[in-house]
Amino acid sequence: MKETEFQEEGIRTLQIDSPAGSVMDHVLVILAGEGPYVLIDAGYPEAMEEVCAWVSRKAGDRLEALLLTHHHHDHLGGAEAIVAATGVPCFAHPVEAELMKERAPALSHVLLRDGETFRAGGIAFEALLTPGHSPGHLAFWWPERGILFGGDNVLMPNSTWVGPPLGNLRVYLESLEKVRALDPRVIFPGHGPPVEDPAGRIDALIRHRADREEQVLDALAGGLDTPGKMAERIYRGLGEKIVRVGASMLTAHLEKLIEEGRVRREGERYLLDG
């Protein structure tokens, strides 16, 4: 684990190494404020004791809230333990709160909807619905400082996983445009370093998805008709794990093309339409 302090921002991050077999090599939990404090996301379940100890050392009894961006286990894992140890309220979007019940059945939530403003950790936040990676994914906007706690929406150097059953690439791209229109000064993501040029990074992510879509269309034109076959070509040489995850992301591209009427599905096969 590695702690990083951004003193001028009033932010600390704790980098938690991912379990073996994960695609991402770490996840971040973020402590914001100068007393009182707010915690954004809760890390892997395997690290819940370490996260609780870190929060206790840094915030003492002055933690006021836990904000959850979405239900994936690397962001939710320590939530029940943190709430049990501190008694703080846990904030999440209604869609994600429902999805969290399977992994965290004892967790209750303060429900936040898009555009809702609230105060926690001495900070005036706005909840920003940014679906695509997950259907109720929230980012948390700190307008006073131009800081967005972005969850998994805008990452660097990696791109965000978007795939079935709950991911939607068209919606994800709309969320990127929504964040760009907000014009944050800096984004603190759930993985990786702070994004200090949000507009430039969003442009790069949109270009990356457009380039990948062209690869998918070229693969279809060349007779590759399943995500698995496409992934073996597009991600050749990057290892079995990347090929497997890549196939799910290519499925999201194919589903977007179906929505646009450019591709059709016949059983397990995807074919150019028209």
C-alpha atoms as a PDB file:
ATOM      1  CA  MET A   1       0.000   0.000   0.000  1.00  0.00           C
ATOM      2  CA  LYS A   2       1.155   3.509  -0.779  1.00  0.00           C
ATOM      3  CA  GLU A   3      -0.124   6.802   0.604  1.00  0.00           C
ATOM      4  CA  THR A   4       0.111  10.029  -1.387  1.00  0.00           C
ATOM      5  CA  GLU A   5      -0.732  13.443   0.028  1.00  0.00           C
ATOM      6  CA  PHE A   6      -1.863  16.369  -2.103  1.00  0.00           C
ATOM      7  CA  GLN A   7      -1.542  18.935   0.650  1.00  0.00           C
ATOM      8  CA  GLU A   8      -2.574  21.945  -1.408  1.00  0.00           C
ATOM      9  CA  GLU A   9      -5.819  20.167  -2.333  1.00  0.00           C
ATOM     10  CA  GLY A  10      -6.612  18.761   1.107  1.00  0.00           C
ATOM     11  CA  ILE A  11      -6.581  15.237  -0.344  1.00  0.00           C
ATOM     12  CA  ARG A  12      -4.844  11.967   0.560  1.00  0.00           C
ATOM     13  CA  THR A  13      -4.994   8.758  -1.448  1.00  0.00           C
ATOM     14  CA  LEU A  14      -4.233   5.198  -0.394  1.00  0.00           C
ATOM     15  CA  GLN A  15      -3.155   2.891  -3.215  1.00  0.00           C
ATOM     16  CA  ILE A  16      -4.242  -0.694  -2.605  1.00  0.00           C
ATOM     17  CA  ASP A  17      -2.588  -3.425  -4.643  1.00  0.00           C
ATOM     18  CA  SER A  18      -4.998  -5.636  -6.567  1.00  0.00           C
ATOM     19  CA  PRO A  19      -5.330  -9.360  -5.886  1.00  0.00           C
ATOM     20  CA  ALA A  20      -3.621 -11.744  -8.282  1.00  0.00           C
ATOM     21  CA  GLY A  21      -5.431 -12.109 -11.593  1.00  0.00           C
ATOM     22  CA  SER A  22      -6.891  -8.599 -11.647  1.00  0.00           C
ATOM     23  CA  VAL A  23      -6.641  -6.477 -14.784  1.00  0.00           C
ATOM     24  CA  MET A  24      -5.921  -3.259 -12.868  1.00  0.00           C
ATOM     25  CA  ASP A  25      -2.855  -3.392 -10.638  1.00  0.00           C
ATOM     26  CA  HIS A  26      -4.355  -1.212  -7.895  1.00  0.00           C
ATOM     27  CA  VAL A  27      -7.341   0.782  -6.705  1.00  0.00           C
ATOM     28  CA  LEU A  28      -7.423   4.041  -4.749  1.00  0.00           C
ATOM     29  CA  VAL A  29      -9.410   5.147  -1.749  1.00  0.00           C
ATOM     30  CA  ILE A  30      -9.470   8.906  -1.278  1.00  0.00           C
ATOM     31  CA  LEU A  31      -9.702  10.946   1.914  1.00  0.00           C
ATOM     32  CA  ALA A  32     -10.727  14.564   1.318  1.00  0.00           C
ATOM     33  CA  GLY A  33     -11.067  17.543   3.625  1.00  0.00           C
ATOM     34  CA  GLU A  34      -9.022  19.165   6.334  1.00  0.00           C
ATOM     35  CA  GLY A  35     -11.086  17.986   9.289  1.00  0.00           C
ATOM     36  CA  PRO A  36     -13.852  16.916   9.146  1.00  0.00           C
ATOM     37  CA  TYR A  37     -13.224  14.409   6.355  1.00  0.00           C
ATOM     38  CA  VAL A  38     -15.019  12.398   3.698  1.00  0.00           C
ATOM     39  CA  LEU A  39     -13.898   9.062   2.229  1.00  0.00           C
ATOM     40  CA  ILE A  40     -14.471   8.262  -1.436  1.00  0.00           C
ATOM     41  CA  ASP A  41     -14.726   4.511  -2.102  1.00  0.00           C
ATOM     42  CA  ALA A  42     -13.632   1.671   0.146  1.00  0.00           C
ATOM     43  CA  GLY A  43     -11.189  -0.600  -1.697  1.00  0.00           C
ATOM     44  CA  TYR A  44     -11.009  -4.370  -1.998  1.00  0.00           C
ATOM     45  CA  PRO A  45     -12.629  -6.604   0.630  1.00  0.00           C
ATOM     46  CA  GLU A  46      -9.237  -8.245   1.172  1.00  0.00           C
ATOM     47  CA  ALA A  47      -7.845  -4.894   2.365  1.00  0.00           C
ATOM     48  CA  MET A  48     -10.692  -3.763   4.621  1.00  0.00           C
ATOM     49  CA  GLU A  49      -8.655  -3.969   7.851  1.00  0.00           C
ATOM     50  CA  GLU A  50      -5.818  -1.895   6.394  1.00  0.00           C
ATOM     51  CA  VAL A  51      -8.236   0.697   4.987  1.00  0.00           C
ATOM     52  CA  CYS A  52     -10.037   1.013   8.329  1.00  0.00           C
ATOM     53  CA  ALA A  53      -6.710   1.435  10.136  1.00  0.00           C
ATOM     54  CA  TRP A  54      -5.567   4.100   7.650  1.00  0.00           C
ATOM     55  CA  VAL A  55      -8.814   6.030   7.981  1.00  0.00           C
ATOM     56  CA  SER A  56      -8.548   5.867  11.775  1.00  0.00           C
ATOM     57  CA  ARG A  57      -4.967   7.185  11.720  1.00  0.00           C
ATOM     58  CA  LYS A  58      -5.686  10.017   9.307  1.00  0.00           C
ATOM     59  CA  ALA A  59      -9.205  11.083  10.258  1.00  0.00           C
ATOM     60  CA  GLY A  60      -9.527   9.917  13.850  1.00  0.00           C
ATOM     61  CA  ASP A  61     -13.150  10.387  14.858  1.00  0.00           C
ATOM     62  CA  ARG A  62     -13.709  13.178  12.317  1.00  0.00           C
ATOM     63  CA  LEU A  63     -14.809  11.110   9.319  1.00  0.00           C
ATOM     64  CA  GLU A  64     -18.290  12.322   8.344  1.00  0.00           C
ATOM     65  CA  ALA A  65     -19.294  10.223   5.332  1.00  0.00           C
ATOM     66  CA  LEU A  66     -18.409   7.466   2.893  1.00  0.00           C
ATOM     67  CA  LEU A  67     -19.181   8.195  -0.765  1.00  0.00           C
ATOM     68  CA  LEU A  68     -19.359   5.207  -3.131  1.00  0.00           C
ATOM     69  CA  THR A  69     -18.948   5.754  -6.854  1.00  0.00           C
ATOM     70  CA  HIS A  70     -20.292   2.321  -7.856  1.00  0.00           C
ATOM     71  CA  HIS A  71     -20.840  -1.270  -6.804  1.00  0.00           C
ATOM     72  CA  HIS A  72     -17.756  -3.033  -8.213  1.00  0.00           C
ATOM     73  CA  HIS A  73     -15.935  -5.010  -5.549  1.00  0.00           C
ATOM     74  CA  ASP A  74     -12.704  -3.003  -5.745  1.00  0.00           C
ATOM     75  CA  HIS A  75     -14.614   0.133  -4.703  1.00  0.00           C
ATOM     76  CA  LEU A  76     -17.200  -1.406  -2.365  1.00  0.00           C
ATOM     77  CA  GLY A  77     -15.190  -4.078  -0.537  1.00  0.00           C
ATOM     78  CA  GLY A  78     -14.386  -2.298   2.709  1.00  0.00           C
ATOM     79  CA  ALA A  79     -17.613  -0.304   2.979  1.00  0.00           C
ATOM     80  CA  GLU A  80     -19.427  -2.412   5.571  1.00  0.00           C
ATOM     81  CA  ALA A  81     -16.344  -2.503   7.796  1.00  0.00           C
ATOM     82  CA  ILE A  82     -15.791   1.266   7.547  1.00  0.00           C
ATOM     83  CA  VAL A  83     -19.417   2.060   8.363  1.00  0.00           C
ATOM     84  CA  ALA A  84     -19.399  -0.429  11.248  1.00  0.00           C
ATOM     85  CA  ALA A  85     -16.201   1.081  12.670  1.00  0.00           C
ATOM     86  CA  THR A  86     -17.153   4.743  12.286  1.00  0.00           C
ATOM     87  CA  GLY A  87     -20.945   4.920  12.152  1.00  0.00           C
ATOM     88  CA  VAL A  88     -20.827   7.324   9.205  1.00  0.00           C
ATOM     89  CA  PRO A  89     -23.560   7.447   6.529  1.00  0.00           C
ATOM     90  CA  CYS A  90     -22.847   5.852   3.162  1.00  0.00           C
ATOM     91  CA  PHE A  91     -23.913   7.728   0.014  1.00  0.00           C
ATOM     92  CA  ALA A  92     -24.640   6.057  -3.354  1.00  0.00           C
ATOM     93  CA  HIS A  93     -26.925   6.262  -6.382  1.00  0.00           C
ATOM     94  CA  PRO A  94     -30.170   4.234  -6.051  1.00  0.00           C
ATOM     95  CA  VAL A  95     -29.243   1.898  -8.928  1.00  0.00           C
ATOM     96  CA  GLU A  96     -25.854   1.140  -7.392  1.00  0.00           C
ATOM     97  CA  ALA A  97     -27.306   0.789  -3.892  1.00  0.00           C
ATOM     98  CA  GLU A  98     -29.541  -1.991  -5.210  1.00  0.00           C
ATOM     99  CA  LEU A  99     -26.586  -3.682  -6.921  1.00  0.00           C
ATOM    100  CA  MET A 100     -24.542  -3.466  -3.707  1.00  0.00           C
ATOM    101  CA  LYS A 101     -26.989  -5.649  -1.789  1.00  0.00           C
ATOM    102  CA  GLU A 102     -25.418  -8.877  -3.053  1.00  0.00           C
ATOM    103  CA  ARG A 103     -21.924  -8.084  -1.750  1.00  0.00           C
ATOM    104  CA  ALA A 104     -22.824  -5.788   1.145  1.00  0.00           C
ATOM    105  CA  PRO A 105     -26.281  -6.782   2.421  1.00  0.00           C
ATOM    106  CA  ALA A 106     -25.869  -4.988   5.762  1.00  0.00           C
ATOM    107  CA  LEU A 107     -25.039  -1.651   4.152  1.00  0.00           C
ATOM    108  CA  SER A 108     -27.692   1.064   4.161  1.00  0.00           C
ATOM    109  CA  HIS A 109     -27.432   4.156   1.991  1.00  0.00           C
ATOM    110  CA  VAL A 110     -28.237   7.802   1.708  1.00  0.00           C
ATOM    111  CA  LEU A 111     -29.464   7.899  -1.882  1.00  0.00           C
ATOM    112  CA  LEU A 112     -28.111  10.514  -4.282  1.00  0.00           C
ATOM    113  CA  ARG A 113     -29.474  11.409  -7.696  1.00  0.00           C
ATOM    114  CA  ASP A 114     -27.932  13.334 -10.552  1.00  0.00           C
ATOM    115  CA  GLY A 115     -27.410  16.993  -9.757  1.00  0.00           C
ATOM    116  CA  GLU A 116     -28.212  16.622  -6.076  1.00  0.00           C
ATOM    117  CA  THR A 117     -26.110  18.794  -3.778  1.00  0.00           C
ATOM    118  CA  PHE A 118     -25.042  17.779  -0.291  1.00  0.00           C
ATOM    119  CA  ARG A 119     -22.414  18.593   2.315  1.00  0.00           C
ATOM    120  CA  ALA A 120     -19.966  16.081   3.781  1.00  0.00           C
ATOM    121  CA  GLY A 121     -16.518  16.406   5.288  1.00  0.00           C
ATOM    122  CA  GLY A 122     -16.878  20.163   5.300  1.00  0.00           C
ATOM    123  CA  ILE A 123     -17.212  20.121   1.492  1.00  0.00           C
ATOM    124  CA  ALA A 124     -20.180  21.192  -0.634  1.00  0.00           C
ATOM    125  CA  PHE A 125     -20.542  18.448  -3.271  1.00  0.00           C
ATOM    126  CA  GLU A 126     -22.715  17.862  -6.306  1.00  0.00           C
ATOM    127  CA  ALA A 127     -23.501  14.285  -7.333  1.00  0.00           C
ATOM    128  CA  LEU A 128     -22.871  13.726 -11.042  1.00  0.00           C
ATOM    129  CA  LEU A 129     -24.407  10.658 -12.691  1.00  0.00           C
ATOM    130  CA  THR A 130     -21.805   9.276 -15.111  1.00  0.00           C
ATOM    131  CA  PRO A 131     -23.078   5.858 -16.258  1.00  0.00           C
ATOM    132  CA  GLY A 132     -21.556   3.559 -18.838  1.00  0.00           C
ATOM    133  CA  HIS A 133     -18.973   1.682 -16.785  1.00  0.00           C
ATOM    134  CA  SER A 134     -21.801   0.905 -14.361  1.00  0.00           C
ATOM    135  CA  PRO A 135     -25.418   2.064 -14.706  1.00  0.00           C
ATOM    136  CA  GLY A 136     -25.567   4.249 -11.592  1.00  0.00           C
ATOM    137  CA  HIS A 137     -21.926   5.327 -11.470  1.00  0.00           C
ATOM    138  CA  LEU A 138     -21.506   8.622  -9.614  1.00  0.00           C
ATOM    139  CA  ALA A 139     -18.739  11.187  -9.716  1.00  0.00           C
ATOM    140  CA  PHE A 140     -18.513  13.778  -6.962  1.00  0.00           C
ATOM    141  CA  TRP A 141     -17.966  17.409  -7.961  1.00  0.00           C
ATOM    142  CA  TRP A 142     -16.252  19.870  -5.615  1.00  0.00           C
ATOM    143  CA  PRO A 143     -17.014  23.115  -7.466  1.00  0.00           C
ATOM    144  CA  GLU A 144     -15.261  25.413  -5.004  1.00  0.00           C
ATOM    145  CA  ARG A 145     -11.904  23.910  -6.033  1.00  0.00           C
ATOM    146  CA  GLY A 146     -12.721  22.613  -9.501  1.00  0.00           C
ATOM    147  CA  ILE A 147     -12.029  19.037  -8.383  1.00  0.00           C
ATOM    148  CA  LEU A 148     -13.959  16.008  -9.630  1.00  0.00           C
ATOM    149  CA  PHE A 149     -13.701  12.680  -7.827  1.00  0.00           C
ATOM    150  CA  GLY A 150     -14.345  10.684 -10.970  1.00  0.00           C
ATOM    151  CA  GLY A 151     -14.430   7.038  -9.951  1.00  0.00           C
ATOM    152  CA  ASP A 152     -13.742   4.902 -13.020  1.00  0.00           C
ATOM    153  CA  ASN A 153     -15.030   7.376 -15.605  1.00  0.00           C
ATOM    154  CA  VAL A 154     -11.784   9.101 -16.692  1.00  0.00           C
ATOM    155  CA  LEU A 155      -8.600   7.109 -16.069  1.00  0.00           C
ATOM    156  CA  MET A 156      -4.997   7.333 -17.158  1.00  0.00           C
ATOM    157  CA  PRO A 157      -2.937   5.730 -18.533  1.00  0.00           C
ATOM    158  CA  ASN A 158      -5.527   2.948 -18.866  1.00  0.00           C
ATOM    159  CA  SER A 159      -8.943   3.196 -20.450  1.00  0.00           C
ATOM    160  CA  THR A 160     -12.115   2.323 -18.558  1.00  0.00           C
ATOM    161  CA  TRP A 161     -13.562  -1.171 -18.858  1.00  0.00           C
ATOM    162  CA  VAL A 162     -17.022  -1.070 -20.430  1.00  0.00           C
ATOM    163  CA  GLY A 163     -18.714  -4.387 -21.093  1.00  0.00           C
ATOM    164  CA  PRO A 164     -21.698  -6.661 -20.487  1.00  0.00           C
ATOM    165  CA  PRO A 165     -23.981  -7.099 -18.764  1.00  0.00           C
ATOM    166  CA  LEU A 166     -24.234  -3.646 -17.168  1.00  0.00           C
ATOM    167  CA  GLY A 167     -21.819  -1.548 -19.225  1.00  0.00           C
ATOM    168  CA  ASN A 168     -22.959   0.538 -22.187  1.00  0.00           C
ATOM    169  CA  LEU A 169     -20.451   2.209 -24.492  1.00  0.00           C
ATOM    170  CA  ARG A 170     -22.827   4.768 -26.002  1.00  0.00           C
ATOM    171  CA  VAL A 171     -23.840   5.888 -22.526  1.00  0.00           C
ATOM    172  CA  TYR A 172     -20.203   5.933 -21.394  1.00  0.00           C
ATOM    173  CA  LEU A 173     -19.250   8.270 -24.241  1.00  0.00           C
ATOM    174  CA  GLU A 174     -22.140  10.545 -23.277  1.00  0.00           C
ATOM    175  CA  SER A 175     -20.774  10.602 -19.721  1.00  0.00           C
ATOM    176  CA  LEU A 176     -17.363  11.667 -21.004  1.00  0.00           C
ATOM    177  CA  GLU A 177     -18.992  14.583 -22.814  1.00  0.00           C
ATOM    178  CA  LYS A 178     -20.875  15.476 -19.635  1.00  0.00           C
ATOM    179  CA  VAL A 179     -17.644  15.612 -17.649  1.00  0.00           C
ATOM    180  CA  ARG A 180     -15.932  17.654 -20.348  1.00  0.00           C
ATOM    181  CA  ALA A 181     -18.777  20.206 -20.230  1.00  0.00           C
ATOM    182  CA  LEU A 182     -18.260  20.500 -16.475  1.00  0.00           C
ATOM    183  CA  ASP A 183     -14.677  21.646 -17.191  1.00  0.00           C
ATOM    184  CA  PRO A 184     -12.990  20.379 -14.011  1.00  0.00           C
ATOM    185  CA  ARG A 185      -9.521  21.644 -13.156  1.00  0.00           C
ATOM    186  CA  VAL A 186      -8.359  18.191 -12.059  1.00  0.00           C
ATOM    187  CA  ILE A 187      -9.897  14.725 -11.742  1.00  0.00           C
ATOM    188  CA  PHE A 188      -8.960  12.348  -8.931  1.00  0.00           C
ATOM    189  CA  PRO A 189      -9.860   8.895 -10.325  1.00  0.00           C
ATOM    190  CA  GLY A 190     -10.344   5.496  -8.740  1.00  0.00           C
ATOM    191  CA  HIS A 191      -7.195   4.149 -10.394  1.00  0.00           C
ATOM    192  CA  GLY A 192      -4.027   5.913 -11.466  1.00  0.00           C
ATOM    193  CA  PRO A 193      -2.672   9.431 -11.025  1.00  0.00           C
ATOM    194  CA  PRO A 194      -4.697  12.644 -10.936  1.00  0.00           C
ATOM    195  CA  VAL A 195      -5.828  13.733 -14.393  1.00  0.00           C
ATOM    196  CA  GLU A 196      -4.414  17.249 -14.626  1.00  0.00           C
ATOM    197  CA  ASP A 197      -5.629  17.937 -18.181  1.00  0.00           C
ATOM    198  CA  PRO A 198      -9.174  16.553 -18.088  1.00  0.00           C
ATOM    199  CA  ALA A 199     -10.265  17.959 -21.472  1.00  0.00           C
ATOM    200  CA  GLY A 200      -7.179  16.586 -23.208  1.00  0.00           C
ATOM    201  CA  ARG A 201      -7.547  13.188 -21.574  1.00  0.00           C
ATOM    202  CA  ILE A 202     -11.243  12.982 -22.462  1.00  0.00           C
ATOM    203  CA  ASP A 203     -10.429  13.848 -26.079  1.00  0.00           C
ATOM    204  CA  ALA A 204      -7.828  11.061 -26.102  1.00  0.00           C
ATOM    205  CA  LEU A 205     -10.288   8.545 -24.632  1.00  0.00           C
ATOM    206  CA  ILE A 206     -12.944   9.410 -27.213  1.00  0.00           C
ATOM    207  CA  ARG A 207     -10.387   9.062 -30.032  1.00  0.00           C
ATOM    208  CA  HIS A 208      -9.303   5.713 -28.605  1.00  0.00           C
ATOM    209  CA  ARG A 209     -12.877   4.408 -28.678  1.00  0.00           C
ATOM    210  CA  ALA A 210     -13.373   5.688 -32.226  1.00  0.00           C
ATOM    211  CA  ASP A 211     -10.161   3.973 -33.350  1.00  0.00           C
ATOM    212  CA  ARG A 212     -11.226   0.738 -31.668  1.00  0.00           C
ATOM    213  CA  GLU A 213     -14.605   0.933 -33.398  1.00  0.00           C
ATOM    214  CA  GLU A 214     -12.835   1.136 -36.756  1.00  0.00           C
ATOM    215  CA  GLN A 215     -10.856  -1.976 -35.830  1.00  0.00           C
ATOM    216  CA  VAL A 216     -14.112  -3.760 -35.010  1.00  0.00           C
ATOM    217  CA  LEU A 217     -15.658  -2.771 -38.341  1.00  0.00           C
ATOM    218  CA  ASP A 218     -12.522  -3.879 -40.187  1.00  0.00           C
ATOM    219  CA  ALA A 219     -12.623  -7.208 -38.353  1.00  0.00           C
ATOM    220  CA  LEU A 220     -16.264  -7.726 -39.316  1.00  0.00           C
ATOM    221  CA  ALA A 221     -15.478  -6.894 -42.927  1.00  0.00           C
ATOM    222  CA  GLY A 222     -12.684  -9.469 -42.788  1.00  0.00           C
ATOM    223  CA  GLY A 223     -15.000 -12.237 -41.613  1.00  0.00           C
ATOM    224  CA  LEU A 224     -14.287 -12.216 -37.879  1.00  0.00           C
ATOM    225  CA  ASP A 225     -17.791 -12.524 -36.468  1.00  0.00           C
ATOM    226  CA  THR A 226     -17.421 -13.011 -32.699  1.00  0.00           C
ATOM    227  CA  PRO A 227     -15.843 -10.836 -29.998  1.00  0.00           C
ATOM    228  CA  GLY A 228     -13.461 -13.651 -29.129  1.00  0.00           C
ATOM    229  CA  LYS A 229     -12.089 -13.911 -32.658  1.00  0.00           C
ATOM    230  CA  MET A 230     -11.729 -10.135 -32.868  1.00  0.00           C
ATOM    231  CA  ALA A 231      -9.961  -9.959 -29.514  1.00  0.00           C
ATOM    232  CA  GLU A 232      -7.414 -12.559 -30.579  1.00  0.00           C
ATOM    233  CA  ARG A 233      -6.458 -10.301 -33.481  1.00  0.00           C
ATOM    234  CA  ILE A 234      -6.747  -6.867 -31.863  1.00  0.00           C
ATOM    235  CA  TYR A 235      -5.044  -7.805 -28.576  1.00  0.00           C
ATOM    236  CA  ARG A 236      -2.558 -10.286 -30.046  1.00  0.00           C
ATOM    237  CA  GLY A 237       0.544 -10.684 -27.925  1.00  0.00           C
ATOM    238  CA  LEU A 238      -0.889  -8.995 -24.817  1.00  0.00           C
ATOM    239  CA  GLY A 239      -1.675 -12.167 -22.898  1.00  0.00           C
ATOM    240  CA  GLU A 240      -4.706 -14.360 -22.282  1.00  0.00           C
ATOM    241  CA  LYS A 241      -6.166 -12.144 -19.547  1.00  0.00           C
ATOM    242  CA  ILE A 242      -6.141  -9.022 -21.741  1.00  0.00           C
ATOM    243  CA  VAL A 243      -7.637 -10.966 -24.647  1.00  0.00           C
ATOM    244  CA  ARG A 244     -10.461 -12.214 -22.422  1.00  0.00           C
ATOM    245  CA  VAL A 245     -11.237  -8.784 -20.969  1.00  0.00           C
ATOM    246  CA  GLY A 246     -10.796  -7.224 -24.396  1.00  0.00           C
ATOM    247  CA  ALA A 247     -13.454  -9.520 -25.832  1.00  0.00           C
ATOM    248  CA  SER A 248     -15.996  -8.172 -23.345  1.00  0.00           C
ATOM    249  CA  MET A 249     -15.076  -4.593 -24.278  1.00  0.00           C
ATOM    250  CA  LEU A 250     -15.414  -5.407 -27.978  1.00  0.00           C
ATOM    251  CA  THR A 251     -18.885  -6.747 -27.202  1.00  0.00           C
ATOM    252  CA  ALA A 252     -19.773  -3.266 -25.929  1.00  0.00           C
ATOM    253  CA  HIS A 253     -18.584  -1.796 -29.236  1.00  0.00           C
ATOM    254  CA  LEU A 254     -20.676  -4.310 -31.159  1.00  0.00           C
ATOM    255  CA  GLU A 255     -23.774  -3.574 -29.076  1.00  0.00           C
ATOM    256  CA  LYS A 256     -23.304   0.155 -29.753  1.00  0.00           C
ATOM    257  CA  LEU A 257     -23.099  -0.571 -33.493  1.00  0.00           C
ATOM    258  CA  ILE A 258     -26.299  -2.622 -33.239  1.00  0.00           C
ATOM    259  CA  GLU A 259     -28.030   0.344 -31.550  1.00  0.00           C
ATOM    260  CA  GLU A 260     -26.894   2.493 -34.481  1.00  0.00           C
ATOM    261  CA  GLY A 261     -28.203   0.010 -37.072  1.00  0.00           C
ATOM    262  CA  ARG A 262     -24.742  -0.722 -38.482  1.00  0.00           C
ATOM    263  CA  VAL A 263     -24.416  -4.298 -37.205  1.00  0.00           C
ATOM    264  CA  ARG A 264     -26.857  -7.127 -36.578  1.00  0.00           C
ATOM    265  CA  ARG A 265     -26.577 -10.214 -34.420  1.00  0.00           C
ATOM    266  CA  GLU A 266     -27.461 -13.735 -35.525  1.00  0.00           C
ATOM    267  CA  GLY A 267     -27.065 -16.126 -32.610  1.00  0.00           C
ATOM    268  CA  GLU A 268     -23.464 -15.777 -31.451  1.00  0.00           C
ATOM    269  CA  ARG A 269     -22.362 -14.108 -34.681  1.00  0.00           C
ATOM    270  CA  TYR A 270     -22.160 -10.391 -35.413  1.00  0.00           C
ATOM    271  CA  LEU A 271     -22.502  -9.238 -39.017  1.00  0.00           C
ATOM    272  CA  LEU A 272     -22.315  -5.925 -40.838  1.00  0.00           C
ATOM    273  CA  ASP A 273     -25.787  -4.640 -41.604  1.00  0.00           C
ATOM    274  CA  GLY A 274     -26.281  -2.930 -44.938  1.00  0.00           C
END
